Each structure stands twice: as structure tokens, then as C-alpha cells.
Amino acid sequence: QLVAKKAEKQAIDSNVTITEADVKKYYEEKKQMFFMPQQFQASHILVKVDPASNKEERAQLLEKAEQLAAKAKAGEDFYNLAYFNSDDRTKYVGGDLGLFHEGQTAKPFEDTLKNMEVGEISDPVKTRWGYHIIKLVKKNPSRQLAYDEIKGKIRQQLEGKQRDQYYQQWLEQLEEECPVEMVND
């Protein structure tokens, strides 16, 4: 097995040659693929709504969410509000959702984030999980990734593609040079 691996390495890996010019050309041709979508960092308080709940229960939960939003907007500590009132596990970190990009949250949640300013606290936002009170912590605009940021990944991708081609050619060559016959007794 070690000899086979060494032969494979010599036959394939020694032929893989991706130049800086190849990487740069690929980047320029596929530039639109290397785009960082808008990113958000936010915290939230979730007032969970059971889908089987009735109209009165949902109204009570909306009222609870509105009261929490009013407290947060009045300056009460968001971390503590989330810790003591949120109905999901992010409450243990003050509702912190971390950094995420467009397309990773429910549409109403994302639409609200897009229209908020950093530091702003939203009114309750309804999603399928319930009502969210959102605090926008950070907003990074979408941007084109620079060549220097992505060239390592491009090189790996091109080398992998070239390696796969050489591997396939090597196998075909081995099959021609060393035919295998099945013998039935």
C-alpha cells in the first residue's frame, strides 16, 4: 500500500503545476463568485409561540414581546432581558447570535436587520418560531473579496481539479498497460 501511494504521488502529484498566473486568471474570470454577502451581528430575545396556540394566547405572547421591546428601548440591559426572558438557548449568552450573513435567517428577521442601524432595537418581529426583539450589534456591507484573501483557496481548488484529471489519466494508462483478466475455475 505504501509503494502504491508513493507511485501515485510520483505519477500524479509531481505533474500538478498551478502557477500564480493560473490562479490570477481564474480569479479574474470568476470574480463574481468571490463575493462576501452582507453580514450582521445581532442579539435577540425570542418569545416562542406554539403553532397550535389559539388567538388569545398569541395576543398575550405578542403583548409580552412588546413589553420586552419597550424595556429594551428604554435602556434596560439587553443581555439581562434576553437571559431572563428569551425562550431559546441563546439566552445563556444574552441572546447573542454571533456573526452571520444574508440568507441565514428567516426572511422577516433579515428584512428587519437590513433596515436597522447599529445599536437599534426592533419592535417584535414575527417568524415561524415566535416573536423576536432584535438588537443590531454590527453590520458589515457586502463586498468583493480581494485576490490576496482568496488566492490560497483558488490554488487548492485548481490543484485538486488538475490532480483529479491526472489521476484519471494515470488509471486509464495503468488499465491499458496492465490488463486484468478474470479467470473462472
N, C-alpha and C. Protein backbone atom coordinates (compact mmCIF):
# COMPACT_ATOMS: atom_id res chain seq x y z
N GLN A 1 0.83 -1.19 0.00
CA GLN A 1 0.00 0.00 0.00
C GLN A 1 0.88 1.27 0.00
N LEU A 2 1.97 1.22 0.76
CA LEU A 2 2.89 2.36 0.78
C LEU A 2 3.55 2.56 -0.57
N VAL A 3 3.91 1.46 -1.22
CA VAL A 3 4.53 1.55 -2.55
C VAL A 3 3.51 2.13 -3.55
N ALA A 4 2.27 1.69 -3.45
CA ALA A 4 1.23 2.19 -4.35
C ALA A 4 1.02 3.69 -4.14
N LYS A 5 1.01 4.12 -2.89
CA LYS A 5 0.84 5.55 -2.59
C LYS A 5 2.01 6.36 -3.14
N LYS A 6 3.23 5.81 -2.99
CA LYS A 6 4.42 6.51 -3.48
C LYS A 6 4.38 6.60 -5.01
N ALA A 7 3.96 5.52 -5.67
CA ALA A 7 3.85 5.53 -7.13
C ALA A 7 2.80 6.54 -7.58
N GLU A 8 1.68 6.58 -6.87
CA GLU A 8 0.62 7.54 -7.19
C GLU A 8 1.14 8.97 -7.03
N LYS A 9 1.83 9.21 -5.94
CA LYS A 9 2.38 10.54 -5.69
C LYS A 9 3.35 10.96 -6.80
N GLN A 10 4.21 10.03 -7.20
CA GLN A 10 5.19 10.34 -8.24
C GLN A 10 4.50 10.55 -9.59
N ALA A 11 3.52 9.72 -9.90
CA ALA A 11 2.86 9.79 -11.20
C ALA A 11 1.91 10.97 -11.31
N ILE A 12 1.35 11.40 -10.20
CA ILE A 12 0.31 12.44 -10.26
C ILE A 12 0.80 13.76 -9.66
N ASP A 13 1.16 13.74 -8.39
CA ASP A 13 1.48 14.98 -7.69
C ASP A 13 2.65 15.73 -8.31
N SER A 14 3.59 14.99 -8.88
CA SER A 14 4.74 15.67 -9.50
C SER A 14 4.34 16.40 -10.78
N ASN A 15 3.21 16.04 -11.35
CA ASN A 15 2.74 16.70 -12.58
C ASN A 15 1.83 17.90 -12.32
N VAL A 16 1.32 18.00 -11.10
CA VAL A 16 0.40 19.10 -10.78
C VAL A 16 1.20 20.39 -10.68
N THR A 17 0.91 21.29 -11.60
CA THR A 17 1.63 22.57 -11.62
C THR A 17 0.63 23.69 -11.87
N ILE A 18 0.33 24.41 -10.85
CA ILE A 18 -0.55 25.57 -10.95
C ILE A 18 0.32 26.79 -10.67
N THR A 19 0.37 27.68 -11.61
CA THR A 19 1.20 28.89 -11.44
C THR A 19 0.38 30.02 -10.84
N GLU A 20 1.07 31.04 -10.39
CA GLU A 20 0.42 32.24 -9.86
C GLU A 20 -0.45 32.87 -10.95
N ALA A 21 0.04 32.81 -12.19
CA ALA A 21 -0.72 33.36 -13.32
C ALA A 21 -2.03 32.60 -13.53
N ASP A 22 -2.00 31.26 -13.35
CA ASP A 22 -3.22 30.45 -13.47
C ASP A 22 -4.25 30.86 -12.42
N VAL A 23 -3.77 31.07 -11.21
CA VAL A 23 -4.65 31.45 -10.09
C VAL A 23 -5.25 32.82 -10.37
N LYS A 24 -4.41 33.76 -10.79
CA LYS A 24 -4.86 35.13 -11.06
C LYS A 24 -5.89 35.14 -12.20
N LYS A 25 -5.61 34.37 -13.25
CA LYS A 25 -6.53 34.29 -14.40
C LYS A 25 -7.90 33.76 -13.95
N TYR A 26 -7.89 32.70 -13.16
CA TYR A 26 -9.13 32.11 -12.67
C TYR A 26 -9.91 33.13 -11.83
N TYR A 27 -9.21 33.85 -10.97
CA TYR A 27 -9.85 34.87 -10.14
C TYR A 27 -10.51 35.93 -11.02
N GLU A 28 -9.80 36.41 -12.02
CA GLU A 28 -10.34 37.47 -12.90
C GLU A 28 -11.54 36.96 -13.69
N GLU A 29 -11.48 35.73 -14.16
CA GLU A 29 -12.59 35.16 -14.95
C GLU A 29 -13.83 34.89 -14.10
N LYS A 30 -13.63 34.53 -12.85
CA LYS A 30 -14.74 34.13 -11.98
C LYS A 30 -14.93 35.09 -10.82
N LYS A 31 -14.54 36.32 -11.00
CA LYS A 31 -14.54 37.32 -9.92
C LYS A 31 -15.89 37.40 -9.20
N GLN A 32 -16.98 37.28 -9.95
CA GLN A 32 -18.31 37.40 -9.35
C GLN A 32 -18.60 36.29 -8.34
N MET A 33 -17.85 35.20 -8.39
CA MET A 33 -18.05 34.10 -7.43
C MET A 33 -17.44 34.44 -6.07
N PHE A 34 -16.50 35.36 -6.04
CA PHE A 34 -15.77 35.67 -4.81
C PHE A 34 -16.30 36.96 -4.20
N PHE A 35 -17.51 36.85 -3.67
CA PHE A 35 -18.23 38.00 -3.16
C PHE A 35 -18.72 37.67 -1.76
N MET A 36 -18.41 38.51 -0.79
CA MET A 36 -18.86 38.31 0.59
C MET A 36 -20.20 39.03 0.76
N PRO A 37 -21.27 38.27 1.08
CA PRO A 37 -22.56 38.93 1.28
C PRO A 37 -22.55 39.79 2.54
N GLN A 38 -23.56 40.63 2.65
CA GLN A 38 -23.69 41.49 3.83
C GLN A 38 -23.74 40.62 5.08
N GLN A 39 -23.04 41.06 6.13
CA GLN A 39 -23.01 40.32 7.38
C GLN A 39 -23.63 41.15 8.50
N PHE A 40 -24.19 40.42 9.46
CA PHE A 40 -24.80 41.05 10.62
C PHE A 40 -24.30 40.36 11.89
N GLN A 41 -24.22 41.12 12.94
CA GLN A 41 -24.05 40.55 14.28
C GLN A 41 -25.20 41.11 15.08
N ALA A 42 -25.96 40.22 15.69
CA ALA A 42 -27.16 40.65 16.41
C ALA A 42 -27.40 39.79 17.63
N SER A 43 -28.20 40.33 18.51
CA SER A 43 -28.71 39.58 19.66
C SER A 43 -30.24 39.63 19.56
N HIS A 44 -30.88 38.67 20.18
CA HIS A 44 -32.35 38.69 20.13
C HIS A 44 -32.93 38.09 21.40
N ILE A 45 -34.19 38.42 21.59
CA ILE A 45 -35.00 37.80 22.63
C ILE A 45 -36.14 37.13 21.89
N LEU A 46 -36.30 35.84 22.11
CA LEU A 46 -37.38 35.10 21.45
C LEU A 46 -38.50 34.83 22.43
N VAL A 47 -39.70 35.24 22.03
CA VAL A 47 -40.91 34.87 22.76
C VAL A 47 -41.56 33.80 21.88
N LYS A 48 -41.36 32.55 22.28
CA LYS A 48 -41.78 31.41 21.46
C LYS A 48 -43.31 31.33 21.40
N VAL A 49 -43.81 31.05 20.21
CA VAL A 49 -45.25 30.88 20.00
C VAL A 49 -45.49 29.48 19.47
N ASP A 50 -46.29 28.71 20.20
CA ASP A 50 -46.65 27.37 19.77
C ASP A 50 -47.59 27.48 18.57
N PRO A 51 -47.28 26.81 17.46
CA PRO A 51 -48.16 26.89 16.28
C PRO A 51 -49.60 26.45 16.57
N ALA A 52 -49.78 25.63 17.60
CA ALA A 52 -51.12 25.16 17.94
C ALA A 52 -51.84 26.11 18.90
N SER A 53 -51.21 27.21 19.26
CA SER A 53 -51.85 28.13 20.21
C SER A 53 -53.04 28.84 19.57
N ASN A 54 -53.94 29.29 20.42
CA ASN A 54 -55.12 29.99 19.90
C ASN A 54 -54.85 31.50 19.80
N LYS A 55 -55.80 32.22 19.30
CA LYS A 55 -55.67 33.65 19.06
C LYS A 55 -55.36 34.44 20.34
N GLU A 56 -56.02 34.08 21.43
CA GLU A 56 -55.82 34.79 22.70
C GLU A 56 -54.40 34.56 23.23
N GLU A 57 -53.93 33.34 23.14
CA GLU A 57 -52.57 33.03 23.61
C GLU A 57 -51.53 33.80 22.79
N ARG A 58 -51.73 33.83 21.48
CA ARG A 58 -50.80 34.57 20.61
C ARG A 58 -50.83 36.06 20.94
N ALA A 59 -52.00 36.60 21.24
CA ALA A 59 -52.12 38.01 21.59
C ALA A 59 -51.37 38.30 22.90
N GLN A 60 -51.47 37.39 23.87
CA GLN A 60 -50.75 37.56 25.13
C GLN A 60 -49.23 37.52 24.91
N LEU A 61 -48.80 36.61 24.05
CA LEU A 61 -47.37 36.50 23.77
C LEU A 61 -46.85 37.72 23.01
N LEU A 62 -47.67 38.26 22.10
CA LEU A 62 -47.28 39.48 21.40
C LEU A 62 -47.16 40.63 22.39
N GLU A 63 -48.11 40.71 23.33
CA GLU A 63 -48.06 41.77 24.35
C GLU A 63 -46.79 41.64 25.19
N LYS A 64 -46.42 40.40 25.55
CA LYS A 64 -45.19 40.17 26.31
C LYS A 64 -43.98 40.64 25.50
N ALA A 65 -43.95 40.33 24.20
CA ALA A 65 -42.85 40.74 23.33
C ALA A 65 -42.78 42.26 23.23
N GLU A 66 -43.94 42.90 23.11
CA GLU A 66 -43.97 44.37 23.03
C GLU A 66 -43.45 45.01 24.32
N GLN A 67 -43.79 44.41 25.45
CA GLN A 67 -43.31 44.93 26.74
C GLN A 67 -41.79 44.78 26.84
N LEU A 68 -41.27 43.64 26.41
CA LEU A 68 -39.82 43.43 26.43
C LEU A 68 -39.11 44.40 25.50
N ALA A 69 -39.69 44.65 24.32
CA ALA A 69 -39.10 45.60 23.37
C ALA A 69 -39.09 47.00 23.98
N ALA A 70 -40.17 47.37 24.65
CA ALA A 70 -40.24 48.70 25.28
C ALA A 70 -39.19 48.84 26.37
N LYS A 71 -38.99 47.79 27.18
CA LYS A 71 -37.96 47.83 28.23
C LYS A 71 -36.56 47.97 27.61
N ALA A 72 -36.32 47.22 26.55
CA ALA A 72 -35.00 47.28 25.89
C ALA A 72 -34.77 48.66 25.29
N LYS A 73 -35.79 49.22 24.65
CA LYS A 73 -35.66 50.55 24.04
C LYS A 73 -35.50 51.64 25.10
N ALA A 74 -36.03 51.38 26.30
CA ALA A 74 -35.93 52.36 27.38
C ALA A 74 -34.56 52.31 28.05
N GLY A 75 -33.71 51.39 27.61
CA GLY A 75 -32.35 51.36 28.13
C GLY A 75 -32.05 50.23 29.09
N GLU A 76 -33.02 49.35 29.34
CA GLU A 76 -32.75 48.22 30.21
C GLU A 76 -31.72 47.32 29.52
N ASP A 77 -30.87 46.69 30.32
CA ASP A 77 -29.78 45.87 29.79
C ASP A 77 -30.33 44.72 28.92
N PHE A 78 -29.96 44.72 27.64
CA PHE A 78 -30.48 43.73 26.69
C PHE A 78 -30.03 42.33 27.07
N TYR A 79 -28.77 42.22 27.50
CA TYR A 79 -28.22 40.90 27.89
C TYR A 79 -29.10 40.29 28.99
N ASN A 80 -29.40 41.06 30.02
CA ASN A 80 -30.22 40.53 31.12
C ASN A 80 -31.65 40.25 30.69
N LEU A 81 -32.21 41.11 29.85
CA LEU A 81 -33.57 40.86 29.34
C LEU A 81 -33.61 39.53 28.59
N ALA A 82 -32.61 39.31 27.75
CA ALA A 82 -32.57 38.06 26.99
C ALA A 82 -32.35 36.87 27.94
N TYR A 83 -31.42 37.03 28.87
CA TYR A 83 -31.08 35.93 29.78
C TYR A 83 -32.31 35.47 30.58
N PHE A 84 -33.07 36.41 31.05
CA PHE A 84 -34.20 36.05 31.92
C PHE A 84 -35.53 35.85 31.19
N ASN A 85 -35.61 36.22 29.91
CA ASN A 85 -36.91 36.18 29.23
C ASN A 85 -36.94 35.41 27.92
N SER A 86 -35.82 35.17 27.28
CA SER A 86 -35.82 34.53 25.97
C SER A 86 -36.17 33.06 26.08
N ASP A 87 -36.86 32.54 25.07
CA ASP A 87 -37.30 31.15 25.07
C ASP A 87 -36.43 30.24 24.21
N ASP A 88 -35.19 30.64 23.97
CA ASP A 88 -34.29 29.73 23.25
C ASP A 88 -32.95 29.69 23.95
N ARG A 89 -32.07 28.81 23.50
CA ARG A 89 -30.81 28.58 24.22
C ARG A 89 -29.83 29.74 24.11
N THR A 90 -30.04 30.68 23.19
CA THR A 90 -29.13 31.84 23.14
C THR A 90 -29.28 32.73 24.36
N LYS A 91 -30.30 32.48 25.16
CA LYS A 91 -30.48 33.29 26.37
C LYS A 91 -29.28 33.19 27.29
N TYR A 92 -28.57 32.07 27.24
CA TYR A 92 -27.42 31.86 28.12
C TYR A 92 -26.22 32.73 27.73
N VAL A 93 -26.29 33.33 26.55
CA VAL A 93 -25.25 34.26 26.10
C VAL A 93 -25.86 35.63 25.80
N GLY A 94 -26.93 35.94 26.51
CA GLY A 94 -27.58 37.24 26.35
C GLY A 94 -28.25 37.44 25.02
N GLY A 95 -28.63 36.33 24.37
CA GLY A 95 -29.32 36.41 23.08
C GLY A 95 -28.39 36.57 21.89
N ASP A 96 -27.07 36.51 22.13
CA ASP A 96 -26.09 36.74 21.07
C ASP A 96 -26.18 35.66 19.99
N LEU A 97 -26.40 36.09 18.76
CA LEU A 97 -26.49 35.18 17.62
C LEU A 97 -25.17 35.09 16.86
N GLY A 98 -24.19 35.90 17.26
CA GLY A 98 -22.90 35.89 16.57
C GLY A 98 -22.98 36.60 15.24
N LEU A 99 -21.98 36.33 14.40
CA LEU A 99 -21.89 36.95 13.08
C LEU A 99 -22.47 35.99 12.05
N PHE A 100 -23.35 36.47 11.21
CA PHE A 100 -23.97 35.65 10.17
C PHE A 100 -24.20 36.53 8.94
N HIS A 101 -24.44 35.90 7.80
CA HIS A 101 -24.63 36.68 6.59
C HIS A 101 -26.03 36.53 6.02
N GLU A 102 -26.30 37.36 5.04
CA GLU A 102 -27.60 37.34 4.38
C GLU A 102 -27.96 35.92 3.97
N GLY A 103 -29.21 35.57 4.12
CA GLY A 103 -29.68 34.26 3.70
C GLY A 103 -29.62 33.20 4.79
N GLN A 104 -29.12 33.53 5.95
CA GLN A 104 -29.00 32.54 7.02
C GLN A 104 -30.10 32.64 8.07
N THR A 105 -30.99 33.60 7.93
CA THR A 105 -32.08 33.74 8.90
C THR A 105 -33.41 33.80 8.16
N ALA A 106 -34.48 33.75 8.91
CA ALA A 106 -35.82 33.85 8.33
C ALA A 106 -35.98 35.21 7.65
N LYS A 107 -36.73 35.25 6.56
CA LYS A 107 -36.87 36.48 5.78
C LYS A 107 -37.35 37.67 6.60
N PRO A 108 -38.39 37.56 7.43
CA PRO A 108 -38.82 38.73 8.20
C PRO A 108 -37.71 39.24 9.13
N PHE A 109 -36.94 38.31 9.70
CA PHE A 109 -35.83 38.65 10.59
C PHE A 109 -34.77 39.41 9.80
N GLU A 110 -34.39 38.88 8.65
CA GLU A 110 -33.37 39.50 7.81
C GLU A 110 -33.83 40.86 7.28
N ASP A 111 -35.06 40.93 6.84
CA ASP A 111 -35.58 42.20 6.32
C ASP A 111 -35.53 43.29 7.39
N THR A 112 -35.83 42.92 8.63
CA THR A 112 -35.76 43.88 9.73
C THR A 112 -34.32 44.34 9.95
N LEU A 113 -33.38 43.38 9.95
CA LEU A 113 -31.96 43.72 10.14
C LEU A 113 -31.47 44.69 9.08
N LYS A 114 -31.87 44.48 7.84
CA LYS A 114 -31.40 45.33 6.74
C LYS A 114 -31.83 46.78 6.93
N ASN A 115 -32.95 46.99 7.60
CA ASN A 115 -33.48 48.34 7.78
C ASN A 115 -33.12 48.96 9.13
N MET A 116 -32.26 48.29 9.88
CA MET A 116 -31.89 48.80 11.21
C MET A 116 -30.52 49.47 11.16
N GLU A 117 -30.29 50.33 12.14
CA GLU A 117 -28.98 50.93 12.35
C GLU A 117 -28.30 50.20 13.51
N VAL A 118 -26.98 50.20 13.53
CA VAL A 118 -26.23 49.56 14.61
C VAL A 118 -26.65 50.18 15.95
N GLY A 119 -26.93 49.33 16.92
CA GLY A 119 -27.35 49.77 18.26
C GLY A 119 -28.86 49.86 18.39
N GLU A 120 -29.57 49.82 17.29
CA GLU A 120 -31.03 49.94 17.31
C GLU A 120 -31.68 48.64 17.79
N ILE A 121 -32.84 48.78 18.43
CA ILE A 121 -33.62 47.64 18.90
C ILE A 121 -34.96 47.65 18.17
N SER A 122 -35.34 46.50 17.67
CA SER A 122 -36.56 46.41 16.85
C SER A 122 -37.81 46.25 17.69
N ASP A 123 -38.94 46.50 17.04
CA ASP A 123 -40.22 46.09 17.59
C ASP A 123 -40.28 44.57 17.40
N PRO A 124 -41.24 43.88 18.00
CA PRO A 124 -41.32 42.43 17.80
C PRO A 124 -41.47 42.06 16.31
N VAL A 125 -40.69 41.08 15.90
CA VAL A 125 -40.69 40.58 14.53
C VAL A 125 -41.22 39.15 14.56
N LYS A 126 -42.27 38.89 13.80
CA LYS A 126 -42.89 37.56 13.81
C LYS A 126 -42.22 36.65 12.79
N THR A 127 -41.82 35.47 13.25
CA THR A 127 -41.34 34.40 12.37
C THR A 127 -42.10 33.14 12.75
N ARG A 128 -41.78 32.05 12.15
CA ARG A 128 -42.49 30.81 12.47
C ARG A 128 -42.20 30.31 13.89
N TRP A 129 -41.14 30.82 14.51
CA TRP A 129 -40.79 30.40 15.87
C TRP A 129 -41.46 31.26 16.94
N GLY A 130 -41.87 32.45 16.56
CA GLY A 130 -42.49 33.34 17.53
C GLY A 130 -42.12 34.78 17.25
N TYR A 131 -42.02 35.57 18.32
CA TYR A 131 -41.70 36.99 18.20
C TYR A 131 -40.26 37.25 18.67
N HIS A 132 -39.51 37.95 17.83
CA HIS A 132 -38.12 38.28 18.14
C HIS A 132 -38.00 39.77 18.40
N ILE A 133 -37.28 40.12 19.45
CA ILE A 133 -36.87 41.51 19.66
C ILE A 133 -35.38 41.49 19.32
N ILE A 134 -34.98 42.27 18.34
CA ILE A 134 -33.63 42.19 17.79
C ILE A 134 -32.84 43.44 18.14
N LYS A 135 -31.60 43.22 18.53
CA LYS A 135 -30.67 44.33 18.72
C LYS A 135 -29.53 44.12 17.72
N LEU A 136 -29.37 45.09 16.82
CA LEU A 136 -28.30 45.00 15.83
C LEU A 136 -27.00 45.50 16.45
N VAL A 137 -25.99 44.65 16.49
CA VAL A 137 -24.71 44.96 17.11
C VAL A 137 -23.71 45.46 16.08
N LYS A 138 -23.73 44.85 14.89
CA LYS A 138 -22.74 45.19 13.87
C LYS A 138 -23.32 44.88 12.50
N LYS A 139 -22.93 45.67 11.52
CA LYS A 139 -23.40 45.45 10.15
C LYS A 139 -22.20 45.65 9.22
N ASN A 140 -21.83 44.61 8.48
CA ASN A 140 -20.74 44.70 7.52
C ASN A 140 -21.35 44.67 6.11
N PRO A 141 -21.03 45.66 5.28
CA PRO A 141 -21.61 45.67 3.93
C PRO A 141 -21.05 44.53 3.07
N SER A 142 -21.79 44.17 2.04
CA SER A 142 -21.31 43.16 1.10
C SER A 142 -20.10 43.74 0.36
N ARG A 143 -19.20 42.86 -0.06
CA ARG A 143 -18.01 43.34 -0.74
C ARG A 143 -17.38 42.25 -1.59
N GLN A 144 -16.61 42.70 -2.55
CA GLN A 144 -15.83 41.81 -3.39
C GLN A 144 -14.61 41.34 -2.59
N LEU A 145 -14.35 40.04 -2.55
CA LEU A 145 -13.16 39.54 -1.87
C LEU A 145 -11.93 39.86 -2.71
N ALA A 146 -10.90 40.37 -2.07
CA ALA A 146 -9.66 40.72 -2.76
C ALA A 146 -8.92 39.45 -3.16
N TYR A 147 -8.13 39.56 -4.20
CA TYR A 147 -7.35 38.43 -4.70
C TYR A 147 -6.50 37.81 -3.59
N ASP A 148 -5.82 38.62 -2.82
CA ASP A 148 -4.95 38.11 -1.76
C ASP A 148 -5.72 37.33 -0.69
N GLU A 149 -6.99 37.64 -0.48
CA GLU A 149 -7.80 36.94 0.51
C GLU A 149 -8.19 35.55 0.05
N ILE A 150 -8.28 35.35 -1.24
CA ILE A 150 -8.88 34.12 -1.76
C ILE A 150 -7.93 33.26 -2.58
N LYS A 151 -6.72 33.77 -2.86
CA LYS A 151 -5.81 33.05 -3.77
C LYS A 151 -5.43 31.66 -3.25
N GLY A 152 -5.29 31.49 -1.95
CA GLY A 152 -4.95 30.16 -1.41
C GLY A 152 -6.03 29.14 -1.70
N LYS A 153 -7.27 29.53 -1.53
CA LYS A 153 -8.39 28.61 -1.80
C LYS A 153 -8.51 28.30 -3.28
N ILE A 154 -8.28 29.32 -4.11
CA ILE A 154 -8.33 29.10 -5.56
C ILE A 154 -7.24 28.11 -5.96
N ARG A 155 -6.04 28.30 -5.43
CA ARG A 155 -4.92 27.40 -5.75
C ARG A 155 -5.28 25.96 -5.37
N GLN A 156 -5.81 25.75 -4.17
CA GLN A 156 -6.20 24.41 -3.73
C GLN A 156 -7.24 23.81 -4.67
N GLN A 157 -8.21 24.61 -5.07
CA GLN A 157 -9.27 24.12 -5.95
C GLN A 157 -8.70 23.73 -7.31
N LEU A 158 -7.86 24.57 -7.88
CA LEU A 158 -7.27 24.28 -9.18
C LEU A 158 -6.33 23.07 -9.12
N GLU A 159 -5.54 22.98 -8.05
CA GLU A 159 -4.66 21.82 -7.89
C GLU A 159 -5.46 20.54 -7.74
N GLY A 160 -6.55 20.59 -6.99
CA GLY A 160 -7.41 19.42 -6.82
C GLY A 160 -8.02 18.97 -8.14
N LYS A 161 -8.46 19.94 -8.92
CA LYS A 161 -9.06 19.63 -10.22
C LYS A 161 -8.02 18.99 -11.16
N GLN A 162 -6.81 19.60 -11.19
CA GLN A 162 -5.75 19.09 -12.04
C GLN A 162 -5.30 17.70 -11.56
N ARG A 163 -5.24 17.55 -10.25
CA ARG A 163 -4.85 16.25 -9.68
C ARG A 163 -5.85 15.17 -10.08
N ASP A 164 -7.13 15.47 -10.02
CA ASP A 164 -8.17 14.51 -10.42
C ASP A 164 -8.03 14.12 -11.88
N GLN A 165 -7.72 15.08 -12.75
CA GLN A 165 -7.53 14.78 -14.17
C GLN A 165 -6.34 13.85 -14.38
N TYR A 166 -5.21 14.16 -13.73
CA TYR A 166 -4.02 13.32 -13.85
C TYR A 166 -4.27 11.93 -13.28
N TYR A 167 -5.00 11.85 -12.20
CA TYR A 167 -5.31 10.57 -11.59
C TYR A 167 -6.13 9.70 -12.55
N GLN A 168 -7.14 10.31 -13.17
CA GLN A 168 -7.97 9.57 -14.11
C GLN A 168 -7.14 9.09 -15.30
N GLN A 169 -6.27 9.96 -15.83
CA GLN A 169 -5.39 9.57 -16.94
C GLN A 169 -4.45 8.44 -16.53
N TRP A 170 -3.91 8.52 -15.33
CA TRP A 170 -2.99 7.51 -14.81
C TRP A 170 -3.69 6.16 -14.70
N LEU A 171 -4.92 6.17 -14.19
CA LEU A 171 -5.67 4.91 -14.07
C LEU A 171 -5.94 4.30 -15.44
N GLU A 172 -6.33 5.14 -16.39
CA GLU A 172 -6.59 4.64 -17.75
C GLU A 172 -5.31 4.06 -18.36
N GLN A 173 -4.20 4.73 -18.13
CA GLN A 173 -2.91 4.25 -18.63
C GLN A 173 -2.55 2.90 -17.98
N LEU A 174 -2.76 2.78 -16.69
CA LEU A 174 -2.49 1.52 -15.99
C LEU A 174 -3.36 0.40 -16.51
N GLU A 175 -4.62 0.67 -16.79
CA GLU A 175 -5.54 -0.35 -17.32
C GLU A 175 -5.09 -0.83 -18.69
N GLU A 176 -4.55 0.09 -19.52
CA GLU A 176 -4.05 -0.30 -20.84
C GLU A 176 -2.77 -1.12 -20.74
N GLU A 177 -1.86 -0.67 -19.88
CA GLU A 177 -0.55 -1.32 -19.76
C GLU A 177 -0.62 -2.62 -18.97
N CYS A 178 -1.53 -2.71 -18.06
CA CYS A 178 -1.63 -3.89 -17.18
C CYS A 178 -3.06 -4.42 -17.19
N PRO A 179 -3.47 -5.08 -18.28
CA PRO A 179 -4.86 -5.56 -18.32
C PRO A 179 -5.11 -6.63 -17.25
N VAL A 180 -6.29 -6.56 -16.68
CA VAL A 180 -6.69 -7.52 -15.65
C VAL A 180 -7.71 -8.47 -16.27
N GLU A 181 -7.45 -9.77 -16.14
CA GLU A 181 -8.38 -10.76 -16.67
C GLU A 181 -8.99 -11.54 -15.52
N MET A 182 -10.26 -11.76 -15.60
CA MET A 182 -10.96 -12.56 -14.60
C MET A 182 -10.96 -14.01 -15.07
N VAL A 183 -10.49 -14.87 -14.22
CA VAL A 183 -10.42 -16.30 -14.56
C VAL A 183 -11.38 -17.04 -13.64
N ASN A 184 -12.30 -17.75 -14.27
CA ASN A 184 -13.26 -18.56 -13.50
C ASN A 184 -12.82 -20.01 -13.56
N ASP A 185 -12.77 -20.66 -12.42
CA ASP A 185 -12.38 -22.08 -12.39
C ASP A 185 -13.57 -22.96 -12.60
